[in-house]
Amino acid sequence: MLSTILPTPEDAQAWGRDLAQTLSAGDVVALCGQLGAGKTQITMGLVAGLGSAAAVTSPTFTLLHEYLDGRLPVFHFDFYRMEKPEEVLGLGWDEILDEPGIVIVEWADLFPELMPESTHWFDLSARPDGSRVIQPRG
């Protein structure tokens, strides 16, 4: 699969809105990349593309945000501050995977063993010019 260059944060959000149109209930999106790679910008686009008017922020400290006002509920996880898979499971991970919504996970590569086989994986990186590159896995 080809990588995509996203010159601005607005382009990253537009890419996420476009991806949202292809998602259906039960899909899991894994966003991987270092700090500042654009994971939250992509998530903003995904949530908006699913019809939510919510102000999206990274759940780095709260670990999970829920956006329930779109065409599908969105469960937005951030694994960055978690040290063990048991912490993720303690948030109700298995139950949320059974919900008829979309699960978005920032830093999903920290616990790949928890991700369903059908997960949509994306690697993001920042370039020196400020643009971002997104590369689908698989």
Protein backbone atom coordinates (compact mmCIF):
# COMPACT_ATOMS: atom_id res chain seq x y z
CA MET A 1 0.00 0.00 0.00
CA LEU A 2 1.17 3.49 -0.75
CA SER A 3 2.11 6.12 1.78
CA THR A 4 0.37 9.49 1.78
CA ILE A 5 1.99 12.84 2.53
CA LEU A 6 -0.18 15.15 4.60
CA PRO A 7 1.28 18.68 4.32
CA THR A 8 -0.83 20.31 7.08
CA PRO A 9 -2.88 19.32 10.13
CA GLU A 10 -5.97 20.15 8.08
CA ASP A 11 -4.86 17.61 5.46
CA ALA A 12 -4.45 14.99 8.20
CA GLN A 13 -7.97 15.73 9.41
CA ALA A 14 -9.32 15.52 5.86
CA TRP A 15 -7.59 12.15 5.42
CA GLY A 16 -9.28 10.95 8.63
CA ARG A 17 -12.69 12.19 7.41
CA ASP A 18 -12.21 10.25 4.19
CA LEU A 19 -11.21 7.09 6.07
CA ALA A 20 -14.29 7.45 8.29
CA GLN A 21 -16.52 7.00 5.25
CA THR A 22 -15.09 3.49 4.75
CA LEU A 23 -15.58 2.32 8.35
CA SER A 24 -18.43 0.31 9.79
CA ALA A 25 -19.50 -0.86 13.24
CA GLY A 26 -16.88 -3.07 14.84
CA ASP A 27 -13.88 -1.60 13.01
CA VAL A 28 -10.70 -0.88 14.93
CA VAL A 29 -8.17 1.71 13.76
CA ALA A 30 -4.62 1.54 15.15
CA LEU A 31 -2.54 4.72 14.86
CA CYS A 32 1.18 4.33 15.52
CA GLY A 33 3.95 6.92 15.55
CA GLN A 34 6.04 9.06 17.82
CA LEU A 35 4.81 12.13 19.69
CA GLY A 36 3.70 14.78 17.21
CA ALA A 37 3.28 12.35 14.32
CA GLY A 38 -0.36 13.35 13.76
CA LYS A 39 -2.33 10.60 15.51
CA THR A 40 -4.74 13.00 17.20
CA GLN A 41 -5.20 15.06 14.01
CA ILE A 42 -6.20 11.89 12.16
CA THR A 43 -8.57 11.04 15.03
CA MET A 44 -10.14 14.50 14.82
CA GLY A 45 -10.93 13.81 11.19
CA LEU A 46 -12.23 10.32 11.89
CA VAL A 47 -14.59 11.53 14.62
CA ALA A 48 -15.82 14.44 12.47
CA GLY A 49 -16.22 12.12 9.48
CA LEU A 50 -18.44 9.89 11.58
CA GLY A 51 -20.71 12.86 12.23
CA SER A 52 -19.68 13.90 15.73
CA ALA A 53 -19.46 17.57 16.62
CA ALA A 54 -17.28 16.81 19.66
CA ALA A 55 -14.02 18.63 20.31
CA VAL A 56 -11.48 15.82 20.07
CA THR A 57 -8.44 15.78 22.31
CA SER A 58 -5.89 13.09 23.02
CA PRO A 59 -6.92 10.89 25.96
CA THR A 60 -3.30 10.65 27.16
CA PHE A 61 -4.24 11.22 30.79
CA THR A 62 -7.83 9.98 30.81
CA LEU A 63 -6.89 6.95 28.64
CA LEU A 64 -10.31 6.77 26.95
CA HIS A 65 -12.70 9.27 25.38
CA GLU A 66 -16.13 8.36 24.06
CA TYR A 67 -17.87 10.29 21.29
CA LEU A 68 -21.48 9.15 21.06
CA ASP A 69 -23.15 11.84 18.92
CA GLY A 70 -22.18 10.61 15.43
CA ARG A 71 -23.55 7.95 13.09
CA LEU A 72 -21.55 5.40 15.13
CA PRO A 73 -20.14 5.69 18.63
CA VAL A 74 -16.37 6.20 18.77
CA PHE A 75 -14.15 4.86 21.54
CA HIS A 76 -10.79 6.66 21.46
CA PHE A 77 -7.99 5.03 23.45
CA ASP A 78 -4.44 6.20 24.10
CA PHE A 79 -2.07 3.44 25.25
CA TYR A 80 0.91 5.81 25.75
CA ARG A 81 0.84 5.89 29.56
CA MET A 82 -0.14 2.26 30.05
CA GLU A 83 2.53 -0.18 31.16
CA LYS A 84 0.75 -3.54 31.02
CA PRO A 85 -2.00 -5.08 28.91
CA GLU A 86 -3.98 -5.63 32.11
CA GLU A 87 -4.41 -1.85 32.41
CA VAL A 88 -6.11 -1.78 29.00
CA LEU A 89 -8.29 -4.73 29.90
CA GLY A 90 -9.22 -2.96 33.14
CA LEU A 91 -10.76 -0.14 31.11
CA GLY A 92 -13.29 -2.57 29.65
CA TRP A 93 -11.37 -3.22 26.43
CA ASP A 94 -13.09 -6.52 25.65
CA GLU A 95 -16.55 -5.07 26.26
CA ILE A 96 -15.85 -2.03 24.09
CA LEU A 97 -14.66 -4.27 21.25
CA ASP A 98 -18.12 -5.86 21.36
CA GLU A 99 -19.87 -2.48 21.03
CA PRO A 100 -21.39 -1.53 17.64
CA GLY A 101 -19.00 1.38 17.16
CA ILE A 102 -15.52 2.35 16.01
CA VAL A 103 -12.45 1.92 18.21
CA ILE A 104 -9.49 4.23 17.57
CA VAL A 105 -6.24 3.48 19.39
CA GLU A 106 -3.27 5.82 19.58
CA TRP A 107 0.01 4.04 20.37
CA ALA A 108 -1.62 0.69 19.52
CA ASP A 109 1.79 -0.83 18.82
CA LEU A 110 2.50 -0.87 22.57
CA PHE A 111 0.06 -3.79 22.99
CA PRO A 112 -0.41 -5.36 19.55
CA GLU A 113 -1.51 -8.62 21.15
CA LEU A 114 -4.74 -6.92 22.28
CA MET A 115 -5.69 -5.76 18.81
CA PRO A 116 -8.19 -7.81 16.78
CA GLU A 117 -6.88 -9.53 13.68
CA SER A 118 -8.99 -7.28 11.43
CA THR A 119 -7.49 -4.04 12.83
CA HIS A 120 -6.69 -1.29 10.33
CA TRP A 121 -3.05 -0.37 11.11
CA PHE A 122 -1.45 2.95 10.15
CA ASP A 123 2.09 4.19 10.83
CA LEU A 124 2.57 7.95 10.99
CA SER A 125 5.74 10.01 11.00
CA ALA A 126 6.63 13.68 11.01
CA ARG A 127 8.96 15.10 8.38
CA PRO A 128 11.40 18.00 8.88
CA ASP A 129 9.20 20.31 6.77
CA GLY A 130 6.30 19.83 9.22
CA SER A 131 4.30 17.52 6.99
CA ARG A 132 3.24 14.04 8.07
CA VAL A 133 3.46 10.72 6.28
CA ILE A 134 0.90 7.98 6.83
CA GLN A 135 1.61 4.42 5.75
CA PRO A 136 -1.01 1.67 5.95
CA ARG A 137 0.33 -1.68 7.17
CA GLY A 138 -0.45 -4.87 5.38
